[in-house]
Amino acid sequence: MVTEMAKYRQEKKRIQDELMKYPNVLQISIGTKEVKGKDTGEYCYTVLVKRKVPKSRLDPNEIIPSELDGLKTDVVPVETEVGYRGTTTFVILFAFVLMILLSTTM
């Protein structure tokens, strides 16, 4: 799996450039897929979004593919309640730093 992971890391920049064009996307990382809150242990591209929107409300060109270059995607919402100025920025920044830390430990 090490050679496959190296391939995914090399492709991440291209994938990130592609997915950052989507209006709701905040960050892309390589992580493990979660289903119903449980980690499956399966590697995936983790796509952080502002909010998760039902596919029925999206245009076909706004739907994140379920798989990219043989690696599944996991769309993760970063929703916040804004209680005071700056809360949203802090939460997004925290999530961004966390994803970077997780991707560098793999």
PDB file of N, CA and C in Angstrom:
ATOM      1  N   MET A   1       0.827  -1.210   0.000  1.00  0.00           N
ATOM      2  CA  MET A   1       0.000   0.000   0.000  1.00  0.00           C
ATOM      3  C   MET A   1       0.862   1.260   0.000  1.00  0.00           C
ATOM      4  N   VAL A   2       2.130   1.141   0.395  1.00  0.00           N
ATOM      5  CA  VAL A   2       2.985   2.320   0.446  1.00  0.00           C
ATOM      6  C   VAL A   2       3.115   2.954  -0.934  1.00  0.00           C
ATOM      7  N   THR A   3       3.314   2.148  -1.978  1.00  0.00           N
ATOM      8  CA  THR A   3       3.455   2.709  -3.321  1.00  0.00           C
ATOM      9  C   THR A   3       2.147   3.357  -3.780  1.00  0.00           C
ATOM     10  N   GLU A   4       1.018   2.753  -3.435  1.00  0.00           N
ATOM     11  CA  GLU A   4      -0.271   3.362  -3.773  1.00  0.00           C
ATOM     12  C   GLU A   4      -0.437   4.693  -3.047  1.00  0.00           C
ATOM     13  N   MET A   5      -0.059   4.736  -1.760  1.00  0.00           N
ATOM     14  CA  MET A   5      -0.190   5.967  -0.981  1.00  0.00           C
ATOM     15  C   MET A   5       0.704   7.059  -1.567  1.00  0.00           C
ATOM     16  N   ALA A   6       1.904   6.685  -1.998  1.00  0.00           N
ATOM     17  CA  ALA A   6       2.795   7.669  -2.626  1.00  0.00           C
ATOM     18  C   ALA A   6       2.148   8.232  -3.890  1.00  0.00           C
ATOM     19  N   LYS A   7       1.492   7.374  -4.650  1.00  0.00           N
ATOM     20  CA  LYS A   7       0.785   7.808  -5.867  1.00  0.00           C
ATOM     21  C   LYS A   7      -0.325   8.795  -5.505  1.00  0.00           C
ATOM     22  N   TYR A   8      -1.104   8.477  -4.470  1.00  0.00           N
ATOM     23  CA  TYR A   8      -2.205   9.356  -4.063  1.00  0.00           C
ATOM     24  C   TYR A   8      -1.675  10.704  -3.582  1.00  0.00           C
ATOM     25  N   ARG A   9      -0.546  10.679  -2.873  1.00  0.00           N
ATOM     26  CA  ARG A   9       0.038  11.940  -2.403  1.00  0.00           C
ATOM     27  C   ARG A   9       0.492  12.793  -3.581  1.00  0.00           C
ATOM     28  N   GLN A  10       1.067  12.147  -4.594  1.00  0.00           N
ATOM     29  CA  GLN A  10       1.504  12.886  -5.778  1.00  0.00           C
ATOM     30  C   GLN A  10       0.307  13.485  -6.511  1.00  0.00           C
ATOM     31  N   GLU A  11      -0.779  12.760  -6.555  1.00  0.00           N
ATOM     32  CA  GLU A  11      -1.982  13.209  -7.262  1.00  0.00           C
ATOM     33  C   GLU A  11      -2.789  14.224  -6.460  1.00  0.00           C
ATOM     34  N   LYS A  12      -2.516  14.325  -5.152  1.00  0.00           N
ATOM     35  CA  LYS A  12      -3.326  15.179  -4.275  1.00  0.00           C
ATOM     36  C   LYS A  12      -3.357  16.631  -4.749  1.00  0.00           C
ATOM     37  N   LYS A  13      -2.244  17.169  -5.185  1.00  0.00           N
ATOM     38  CA  LYS A  13      -2.194  18.563  -5.626  1.00  0.00           C
ATOM     39  C   LYS A  13      -3.144  18.781  -6.805  1.00  0.00           C
ATOM     40  N   ARG A  14      -3.109  17.874  -7.779  1.00  0.00           N
ATOM     41  CA  ARG A  14      -3.992  17.992  -8.936  1.00  0.00           C
ATOM     42  C   ARG A  14      -5.457  17.859  -8.511  1.00  0.00           C
ATOM     43  N   ILE A  15      -5.718  16.865  -7.642  1.00  0.00           N
ATOM     44  CA  ILE A  15      -7.079  16.649  -7.134  1.00  0.00           C
ATOM     45  C   ILE A  15      -7.547  17.885  -6.366  1.00  0.00           C
ATOM     46  N   GLN A  16      -6.661  18.427  -5.532  1.00  0.00           N
ATOM     47  CA  GLN A  16      -7.014  19.604  -4.736  1.00  0.00           C
ATOM     48  C   GLN A  16      -7.340  20.781  -5.649  1.00  0.00           C
ATOM     49  N   ASP A  17      -6.512  21.011  -6.665  1.00  0.00           N
ATOM     50  CA  ASP A  17      -6.780  22.110  -7.599  1.00  0.00           C
ATOM     51  C   ASP A  17      -8.131  21.924  -8.282  1.00  0.00           C
ATOM     52  N   GLU A  18      -8.453  20.686  -8.618  1.00  0.00           N
ATOM     53  CA  GLU A  18      -9.726  20.378  -9.281  1.00  0.00           C
ATOM     54  C   GLU A  18     -10.915  20.611  -8.339  1.00  0.00           C
ATOM     55  N   LEU A  19     -10.828  20.092  -7.113  1.00  0.00           N
ATOM     56  CA  LEU A  19     -11.964  20.164  -6.186  1.00  0.00           C
ATOM     57  C   LEU A  19     -12.154  21.542  -5.557  1.00  0.00           C
ATOM     58  N   MET A  20     -11.085  22.330  -5.450  1.00  0.00           N
ATOM     59  CA  MET A  20     -11.220  23.659  -4.856  1.00  0.00           C
ATOM     60  C   MET A  20     -12.046  24.592  -5.748  1.00  0.00           C
ATOM     61  N   LYS A  21     -12.342  24.176  -6.970  1.00  0.00           N
ATOM     62  CA  LYS A  21     -13.205  24.960  -7.859  1.00  0.00           C
ATOM     63  C   LYS A  21     -14.676  24.825  -7.468  1.00  0.00           C
ATOM     64  N   TYR A  22     -14.991  23.797  -6.695  1.00  0.00           N
ATOM     65  CA  TYR A  22     -16.372  23.602  -6.243  1.00  0.00           C
ATOM     66  C   TYR A  22     -16.684  24.689  -5.206  1.00  0.00           C
ATOM     67  N   PRO A  23     -17.882  25.303  -5.255  1.00  0.00           N
ATOM     68  CA  PRO A  23     -18.175  26.451  -4.399  1.00  0.00           C
ATOM     69  C   PRO A  23     -18.185  26.171  -2.897  1.00  0.00           C
ATOM     70  N   ASN A  24     -18.418  24.962  -2.476  1.00  0.00           N
ATOM     71  CA  ASN A  24     -18.603  24.636  -1.067  1.00  0.00           C
ATOM     72  C   ASN A  24     -17.351  24.027  -0.418  1.00  0.00           C
ATOM     73  N   VAL A  25     -16.314  23.738  -1.210  1.00  0.00           N
ATOM     74  CA  VAL A  25     -15.135  23.008  -0.725  1.00  0.00           C
ATOM     75  C   VAL A  25     -14.160  23.943  -0.017  1.00  0.00           C
ATOM     76  N   LEU A  26     -13.659  23.488   1.144  1.00  0.00           N
ATOM     77  CA  LEU A  26     -12.700  24.259   1.930  1.00  0.00           C
ATOM     78  C   LEU A  26     -11.286  23.685   1.872  1.00  0.00           C
ATOM     79  N   GLN A  27     -11.170  22.359   1.922  1.00  0.00           N
ATOM     80  CA  GLN A  27      -9.848  21.719   2.011  1.00  0.00           C
ATOM     81  C   GLN A  27      -9.942  20.266   1.581  1.00  0.00           C
ATOM     82  N   ILE A  28      -8.827  19.724   1.077  1.00  0.00           N
ATOM     83  CA  ILE A  28      -8.740  18.315   0.703  1.00  0.00           C
ATOM     84  C   ILE A  28      -7.520  17.720   1.383  1.00  0.00           C
ATOM     85  N   SER A  29      -7.676  16.513   1.894  1.00  0.00           N
ATOM     86  CA  SER A  29      -6.578  15.813   2.546  1.00  0.00           C
ATOM     87  C   SER A  29      -6.713  14.328   2.259  1.00  0.00           C
ATOM     88  N   ILE A  30      -5.674  13.571   2.564  1.00  0.00           N
ATOM     89  CA  ILE A  30      -5.765  12.119   2.491  1.00  0.00           C
ATOM     90  C   ILE A  30      -5.985  11.631   3.912  1.00  0.00           C
ATOM     91  N   GLY A  31      -7.029  10.857   4.107  1.00  0.00           N
ATOM     92  CA  GLY A  31      -7.358  10.352   5.439  1.00  0.00           C
ATOM     93  C   GLY A  31      -7.981   8.980   5.335  1.00  0.00           C
ATOM     94  N   THR A  32      -8.775   8.626   6.327  1.00  0.00           N
ATOM     95  CA  THR A  32      -9.508   7.362   6.282  1.00  0.00           C
ATOM     96  C   THR A  32     -10.997   7.668   6.290  1.00  0.00           C
ATOM     97  N   LYS A  33     -11.735   6.867   5.566  1.00  0.00           N
ATOM     98  CA  LYS A  33     -13.168   7.088   5.372  1.00  0.00           C
ATOM     99  C   LYS A  33     -13.954   6.755   6.637  1.00  0.00           C
ATOM    100  N   GLU A  34     -14.941   7.585   6.921  1.00  0.00           N
ATOM    101  CA  GLU A  34     -15.870   7.330   8.021  1.00  0.00           C
ATOM    102  C   GLU A  34     -17.255   7.089   7.452  1.00  0.00           C
ATOM    103  N   VAL A  35     -17.932   6.093   7.995  1.00  0.00           N
ATOM    104  CA  VAL A  35     -19.308   5.801   7.614  1.00  0.00           C
ATOM    105  C   VAL A  35     -20.133   5.770   8.891  1.00  0.00           C
ATOM    106  N   LYS A  36     -21.129   6.642   8.967  1.00  0.00           N
ATOM    107  CA  LYS A  36     -21.986   6.758  10.154  1.00  0.00           C
ATOM    108  C   LYS A  36     -21.159   6.953  11.425  1.00  0.00           C
ATOM    109  N   GLY A  37     -20.112   7.783  11.328  1.00  0.00           N
ATOM    110  CA  GLY A  37     -19.289   8.112  12.482  1.00  0.00           C
ATOM    111  C   GLY A  37     -18.235   7.084  12.848  1.00  0.00           C
ATOM    112  N   LYS A  38     -18.126   5.995  12.085  1.00  0.00           N
ATOM    113  CA  LYS A  38     -17.137   4.957  12.388  1.00  0.00           C
ATOM    114  C   LYS A  38     -16.062   4.933  11.309  1.00  0.00           C
ATOM    115  N   ASP A  39     -14.812   4.922  11.763  1.00  0.00           N
ATOM    116  CA  ASP A  39     -13.667   4.870  10.858  1.00  0.00           C
ATOM    117  C   ASP A  39     -13.580   3.489  10.228  1.00  0.00           C
ATOM    118  N   THR A  40     -13.565   3.444   8.888  1.00  0.00           N
ATOM    119  CA  THR A  40     -13.488   2.162   8.185  1.00  0.00           C
ATOM    120  C   THR A  40     -12.049   1.693   8.013  1.00  0.00           C
ATOM    121  N   GLY A  41     -11.081   2.592   8.210  1.00  0.00           N
ATOM    122  CA  GLY A  41      -9.678   2.254   8.003  1.00  0.00           C
ATOM    123  C   GLY A  41      -9.272   2.297   6.537  1.00  0.00           C
ATOM    124  N   GLU A  42     -10.224   2.586   5.654  1.00  0.00           N
ATOM    125  CA  GLU A  42      -9.963   2.634   4.216  1.00  0.00           C
ATOM    126  C   GLU A  42      -9.488   4.045   3.835  1.00  0.00           C
ATOM    127  N   TYR A  43      -8.350   4.139   3.135  1.00  0.00           N
ATOM    128  CA  TYR A  43      -7.837   5.440   2.717  1.00  0.00           C
ATOM    129  C   TYR A  43      -8.788   6.115   1.741  1.00  0.00           C
ATOM    130  N   CYS A  44      -8.841   7.445   1.828  1.00  0.00           N
ATOM    131  CA  CYS A  44      -9.718   8.215   0.949  1.00  0.00           C
ATOM    132  C   CYS A  44      -9.204   9.646   0.856  1.00  0.00           C
ATOM    133  N   TYR A  45      -9.746  10.386  -0.110  1.00  0.00           N
ATOM    134  CA  TYR A  45      -9.556  11.830  -0.132  1.00  0.00           C
ATOM    135  C   TYR A  45     -10.647  12.411   0.755  1.00  0.00           C
ATOM    136  N   THR A  46     -10.259  13.061   1.850  1.00  0.00           N
ATOM    137  CA  THR A  46     -11.218  13.711   2.739  1.00  0.00           C
ATOM    138  C   THR A  46     -11.453  15.123   2.203  1.00  0.00           C
ATOM    139  N   VAL A  47     -12.705  15.432   1.929  1.00  0.00           N
ATOM    140  CA  VAL A  47     -13.068  16.728   1.353  1.00  0.00           C
ATOM    141  C   VAL A  47     -13.887  17.493   2.390  1.00  0.00           C
ATOM    142  N   LEU A  48     -13.287  18.547   2.957  1.00  0.00           N
ATOM    143  CA  LEU A  48     -14.004  19.382   3.921  1.00  0.00           C
ATOM    144  C   LEU A  48     -14.854  20.388   3.160  1.00  0.00           C
ATOM    145  N   VAL A  49     -16.134  20.468   3.524  1.00  0.00           N
ATOM    146  CA  VAL A  49     -17.062  21.403   2.885  1.00  0.00           C
ATOM    147  C   VAL A  49     -17.714  22.292   3.943  1.00  0.00           C
ATOM    148  N   LYS A  50     -18.193  23.458   3.513  1.00  0.00           N
ATOM    149  CA  LYS A  50     -18.859  24.387   4.435  1.00  0.00           C
ATOM    150  C   LYS A  50     -20.095  23.755   5.049  1.00  0.00           C
ATOM    151  N   ARG A  51     -20.852  23.066   4.221  1.00  0.00           N
ATOM    152  CA  ARG A  51     -22.038  22.352   4.697  1.00  0.00           C
ATOM    153  C   ARG A  51     -22.333  21.248   3.705  1.00  0.00           C
ATOM    154  N   LYS A  52     -22.904  20.173   4.189  1.00  0.00           N
ATOM    155  CA  LYS A  52     -23.258  19.057   3.318  1.00  0.00           C
ATOM    156  C   LYS A  52     -24.643  19.328   2.745  1.00  0.00           C
ATOM    157  N   VAL A  53     -24.737  19.300   1.431  1.00  0.00           N
ATOM    158  CA  VAL A  53     -25.978  19.608   0.725  1.00  0.00           C
ATOM    159  C   VAL A  53     -26.463  18.332   0.040  1.00  0.00           C
ATOM    160  N   PRO A  54     -27.761  18.019   0.126  1.00  0.00           N
ATOM    161  CA  PRO A  54     -28.271  16.836  -0.572  1.00  0.00           C
ATOM    162  C   PRO A  54     -27.971  16.917  -2.074  1.00  0.00           C
ATOM    163  N   LYS A  55     -27.597  15.787  -2.660  1.00  0.00           N
ATOM    164  CA  LYS A  55     -27.275  15.760  -4.093  1.00  0.00           C
ATOM    165  C   LYS A  55     -28.418  16.288  -4.944  1.00  0.00           C
ATOM    166  N   SER A  56     -29.650  16.088  -4.484  1.00  0.00           N
ATOM    167  CA  SER A  56     -30.819  16.543  -5.248  1.00  0.00           C
ATOM    168  C   SER A  56     -30.866  18.065  -5.381  1.00  0.00           C
ATOM    169  N   ARG A  57     -30.169  18.784  -4.500  1.00  0.00           N
ATOM    170  CA  ARG A  57     -30.164  20.248  -4.540  1.00  0.00           C
ATOM    171  C   ARG A  57     -28.939  20.815  -5.260  1.00  0.00           C
ATOM    172  N   LEU A  58     -28.077  19.938  -5.760  1.00  0.00           N
ATOM    173  CA  LEU A  58     -26.864  20.375  -6.449  1.00  0.00           C
ATOM    174  C   LEU A  58     -26.993  20.182  -7.954  1.00  0.00           C
ATOM    175  N   ASP A  59     -26.323  21.044  -8.704  1.00  0.00           N
ATOM    176  CA  ASP A  59     -26.192  20.821 -10.139  1.00  0.00           C
ATOM    177  C   ASP A  59     -25.257  19.632 -10.327  1.00  0.00           C
ATOM    178  N   PRO A  60     -25.412  18.878 -11.407  1.00  0.00           N
ATOM    179  CA  PRO A  60     -24.535  17.720 -11.628  1.00  0.00           C
ATOM    180  C   PRO A  60     -23.042  18.058 -11.578  1.00  0.00           C
ATOM    181  N   ASN A  61     -22.657  19.262 -12.025  1.00  0.00           N
ATOM    182  CA  ASN A  61     -21.240  19.646 -12.007  1.00  0.00           C
ATOM    183  C   ASN A  61     -20.766  20.101 -10.629  1.00  0.00           C
ATOM    184  N   GLU A  62     -21.651  20.125  -9.629  1.00  0.00           N
ATOM    185  CA  GLU A  62     -21.280  20.492  -8.257  1.00  0.00           C
ATOM    186  C   GLU A  62     -21.161  19.276  -7.342  1.00  0.00           C
ATOM    187  N   ILE A  63     -21.494  18.100  -7.851  1.00  0.00           N
ATOM    188  CA  ILE A  63     -21.446  16.883  -7.036  1.00  0.00           C
ATOM    189  C   ILE A  63     -20.020  16.345  -7.018  1.00  0.00           C
ATOM    190  N   ILE A  64     -19.475  16.178  -5.830  1.00  0.00           N
ATOM    191  CA  ILE A  64     -18.119  15.642  -5.684  1.00  0.00           C
ATOM    192  C   ILE A  64     -18.156  14.160  -6.034  1.00  0.00           C
ATOM    193  N   PRO A  65     -17.277  13.722  -6.941  1.00  0.00           N
ATOM    194  CA  PRO A  65     -17.271  12.307  -7.327  1.00  0.00           C
ATOM    195  C   PRO A  65     -17.043  11.404  -6.117  1.00  0.00           C
ATOM    196  N   SER A  66     -17.637  10.223  -6.136  1.00  0.00           N
ATOM    197  CA  SER A  66     -17.477   9.286  -5.017  1.00  0.00           C
ATOM    198  C   SER A  66     -16.102   8.632  -5.032  1.00  0.00           C
ATOM    199  N   GLU A  67     -15.391   8.753  -6.155  1.00  0.00           N
ATOM    200  CA  GLU A  67     -14.049   8.175  -6.278  1.00  0.00           C
ATOM    201  C   GLU A  67     -13.236   9.014  -7.259  1.00  0.00           C
ATOM    202  N   LEU A  68     -11.960   9.219  -6.940  1.00  0.00           N
ATOM    203  CA  LEU A  68     -11.046   9.952  -7.813  1.00  0.00           C
ATOM    204  C   LEU A  68      -9.749   9.167  -7.945  1.00  0.00           C
ATOM    205  N   ASP A  69      -9.386   8.822  -9.155  1.00  0.00           N
ATOM    206  CA  ASP A  69      -8.149   8.069  -9.419  1.00  0.00           C
ATOM    207  C   ASP A  69      -8.046   6.797  -8.587  1.00  0.00           C
ATOM    208  N   GLY A  70      -9.167   6.117  -8.406  1.00  0.00           N
ATOM    209  CA  GLY A  70      -9.160   4.850  -7.680  1.00  0.00           C
ATOM    210  C   GLY A  70      -9.241   4.976  -6.174  1.00  0.00           C
ATOM    211  N   LEU A  71      -9.327   6.199  -5.661  1.00  0.00           N
ATOM    212  CA  LEU A  71      -9.426   6.409  -4.213  1.00  0.00           C
ATOM    213  C   LEU A  71     -10.779   7.049  -3.913  1.00  0.00           C
ATOM    214  N   LYS A  72     -11.520   6.475  -2.967  1.00  0.00           N
ATOM    215  CA  LYS A  72     -12.841   7.004  -2.615  1.00  0.00           C
ATOM    216  C   LYS A  72     -12.708   8.393  -2.006  1.00  0.00           C
ATOM    217  N   THR A  73     -13.814   9.131  -2.029  1.00  0.00           N
ATOM    218  CA  THR A  73     -13.857  10.434  -1.372  1.00  0.00           C
ATOM    219  C   THR A  73     -14.769  10.341  -0.152  1.00  0.00           C
ATOM    220  N   ASP A  74     -14.495  11.176   0.829  1.00  0.00           N
ATOM    221  CA  ASP A  74     -15.325  11.270   2.026  1.00  0.00           C
ATOM    222  C   ASP A  74     -15.610  12.750   2.238  1.00  0.00           C
ATOM    223  N   VAL A  75     -16.849  13.152   2.045  1.00  0.00           N
ATOM    224  CA  VAL A  75     -17.240  14.554   2.182  1.00  0.00           C
ATOM    225  C   VAL A  75     -17.615  14.806   3.638  1.00  0.00           C
ATOM    226  N   VAL A  76     -16.887  15.739   4.271  1.00  0.00           N
ATOM    227  CA  VAL A  76     -17.064  16.009   5.700  1.00  0.00           C
ATOM    228  C   VAL A  76     -17.455  17.474   5.885  1.00  0.00           C
ATOM    229  N   PRO A  77     -18.634  17.729   6.467  1.00  0.00           N
ATOM    230  CA  PRO A  77     -19.041  19.119   6.686  1.00  0.00           C
ATOM    231  C   PRO A  77     -18.323  19.738   7.880  1.00  0.00           C
ATOM    232  N   VAL A  78     -18.042  21.034   7.765  1.00  0.00           N
ATOM    233  CA  VAL A  78     -17.453  21.801   8.860  1.00  0.00           C
ATOM    234  C   VAL A  78     -18.470  22.881   9.190  1.00  0.00           C
ATOM    235  N   GLU A  79     -19.536  22.478   9.874  1.00  0.00           N
ATOM    236  CA  GLU A  79     -20.616  23.407  10.202  1.00  0.00           C
ATOM    237  C   GLU A  79     -20.350  24.028  11.564  1.00  0.00           C
ATOM    238  N   THR A  80     -20.682  25.308  11.700  1.00  0.00           N
ATOM    239  CA  THR A  80     -20.479  25.999  12.970  1.00  0.00           C
ATOM    240  C   THR A  80     -21.687  26.862  13.290  1.00  0.00           C
ATOM    241  N   GLU A  81     -21.841  27.125  14.538  1.00  0.00           N
ATOM    242  CA  GLU A  81     -22.799  28.122  15.007  1.00  0.00           C
ATOM    243  C   GLU A  81     -21.975  29.361  15.312  1.00  0.00           C
ATOM    244  N   VAL A  82     -22.294  30.456  14.678  1.00  0.00           N
ATOM    245  CA  VAL A  82     -21.528  31.672  14.903  1.00  0.00           C
ATOM    246  C   VAL A  82     -22.099  32.387  16.118  1.00  0.00           C
ATOM    247  N   GLY A  83     -21.366  32.321  17.236  1.00  0.00           N
ATOM    248  CA  GLY A  83     -21.800  32.956  18.463  1.00  0.00           C
ATOM    249  C   GLY A  83     -21.227  34.347  18.614  1.00  0.00           C
ATOM    250  N   TYR A  84     -20.086  34.562  18.028  1.00  0.00           N
ATOM    251  CA  TYR A  84     -19.456  35.870  18.052  1.00  0.00           C
ATOM    252  C   TYR A  84     -18.553  35.974  16.834  1.00  0.00           C
ATOM    253  N   ARG A  85     -18.154  37.161  16.524  1.00  0.00           N
ATOM    254  CA  ARG A  85     -17.333  37.405  15.340  1.00  0.00           C
ATOM    255  C   ARG A  85     -16.053  36.575  15.397  1.00  0.00           C
ATOM    256  N   GLY A  86     -15.775  35.880  14.327  1.00  0.00           N
ATOM    257  CA  GLY A  86     -14.536  35.120  14.245  1.00  0.00           C
ATOM    258  C   GLY A  86     -14.672  33.638  14.533  1.00  0.00           C
ATOM    259  N   THR A  87     -15.808  33.184  15.032  1.00  0.00           N
ATOM    260  CA  THR A  87     -15.968  31.768  15.363  1.00  0.00           C
ATOM    261  C   THR A  87     -15.798  30.891  14.132  1.00  0.00           C
ATOM    262  N   THR A  88     -16.455  31.246  13.050  1.00  0.00           N
ATOM    263  CA  THR A  88     -16.379  30.437  11.836  1.00  0.00           C
ATOM    264  C   THR A  88     -14.945  30.364  11.330  1.00  0.00           C
ATOM    265  N   THR A  89     -14.264  31.490  11.290  1.00  0.00           N
ATOM    266  CA  THR A  89     -12.881  31.507  10.826  1.00  0.00           C
ATOM    267  C   THR A  89     -12.010  30.623  11.700  1.00  0.00           C
ATOM    268  N   PHE A  90     -12.180  30.683  13.009  1.00  0.00           N
ATOM    269  CA  PHE A  90     -11.389  29.863  13.920  1.00  0.00           C
ATOM    270  C   PHE A  90     -11.632  28.382  13.681  1.00  0.00           C
ATOM    271  N   VAL A  91     -12.886  27.978  13.557  1.00  0.00           N
ATOM    272  CA  VAL A  91     -13.215  26.565  13.370  1.00  0.00           C
ATOM    273  C   VAL A  91     -12.660  26.056  12.051  1.00  0.00           C
ATOM    274  N   ILE A  92     -12.788  26.836  10.989  1.00  0.00           N
ATOM    275  CA  ILE A  92     -12.258  26.428   9.690  1.00  0.00           C
ATOM    276  C   ILE A  92     -10.739  26.332   9.755  1.00  0.00           C
ATOM    277  N   LEU A  93     -10.088  27.295  10.371  1.00  0.00           N
ATOM    278  CA  LEU A  93      -8.636  27.263  10.505  1.00  0.00           C
ATOM    279  C   LEU A  93      -8.197  26.056  11.323  1.00  0.00           C
ATOM    280  N   PHE A  94      -8.892  25.769  12.416  1.00  0.00           N
ATOM    281  CA  PHE A  94      -8.572  24.612  13.249  1.00  0.00           C
ATOM    282  C   PHE A  94      -8.707  23.322  12.446  1.00  0.00           C
ATOM    283  N   ALA A  95      -9.793  23.193  11.682  1.00  0.00           N
ATOM    284  CA  ALA A  95     -10.006  21.995  10.862  1.00  0.00           C
ATOM    285  C   ALA A  95      -8.915  21.865   9.809  1.00  0.00           C
ATOM    286  N   PHE A  96      -8.514  22.974   9.216  1.00  0.00           N
ATOM    287  CA  PHE A  96      -7.455  22.971   8.209  1.00  0.00           C
ATOM    288  C   PHE A  96      -6.138  22.480   8.816  1.00  0.00           C
ATOM    289  N   VAL A  97      -5.760  23.015   9.964  1.00  0.00           N
ATOM    290  CA  VAL A  97      -4.522  22.602  10.634  1.00  0.00           C
ATOM    291  C   VAL A  97      -4.593  21.134  11.026  1.00  0.00           C
ATOM    292  N   LEU A  98      -5.726  20.692  11.527  1.00  0.00           N
ATOM    293  CA  LEU A  98      -5.897  19.294  11.913  1.00  0.00           C
ATOM    294  C   LEU A  98      -5.718  18.374  10.711  1.00  0.00           C
ATOM    295  N   MET A  99      -6.301  18.728   9.575  1.00  0.00           N
ATOM    296  CA  MET A  99      -6.174  17.897   8.377  1.00  0.00           C
ATOM    297  C   MET A  99      -4.727  17.839   7.902  1.00  0.00           C
ATOM    298  N   ILE A 100      -4.003  18.953   7.989  1.00  0.00           N
ATOM    299  CA  ILE A 100      -2.592  18.953   7.593  1.00  0.00           C
ATOM    300  C   ILE A 100      -1.801  18.034   8.512  1.00  0.00           C
ATOM    301  N   LEU A 101      -2.042  18.131   9.809  1.00  0.00           N
ATOM    302  CA  LEU A 101      -1.331  17.271  10.757  1.00  0.00           C
ATOM    303  C   LEU A 101      -1.623  15.806  10.497  1.00  0.00           C
ATOM    304  N   LEU A 102      -2.873  15.479  10.228  1.00  0.00           N
ATOM    305  CA  LEU A 102      -3.237  14.090   9.955  1.00  0.00           C
ATOM    306  C   LEU A 102      -2.603  13.590   8.669  1.00  0.00           C
ATOM    307  N   SER A 103      -2.555  14.430   7.643  1.00  0.00           N
ATOM    308  CA  SER A 103      -2.009  13.978   6.357  1.00  0.00           C
ATOM    309  C   SER A 103      -0.493  13.826   6.415  1.00  0.00           C
ATOM    310  N   THR A 104       0.191  14.552   7.300  1.00  0.00           N
ATOM    311  CA  THR A 104       1.649  14.419   7.383  1.00  0.00           C
ATOM    312  C   THR A 104       2.069  13.245   8.240  1.00  0.00           C
ATOM    313  N   THR A 105       1.153  12.683   9.009  1.00  0.00           N
ATOM    314  CA  THR A 105       1.500  11.526   9.838  1.00  0.00           C
ATOM    315  C   THR A 105       1.274  10.219   9.116  1.00  0.00           C
ATOM    316  N   MET A 106       0.734  10.271   7.916  1.00  0.00           N
ATOM    317  CA  MET A 106       0.453   9.045   7.152  1.00  0.00           C
ATOM    318  C   MET A 106       1.602   8.724   6.233  1.00  0.00           C
TER     319      MET A 106
END
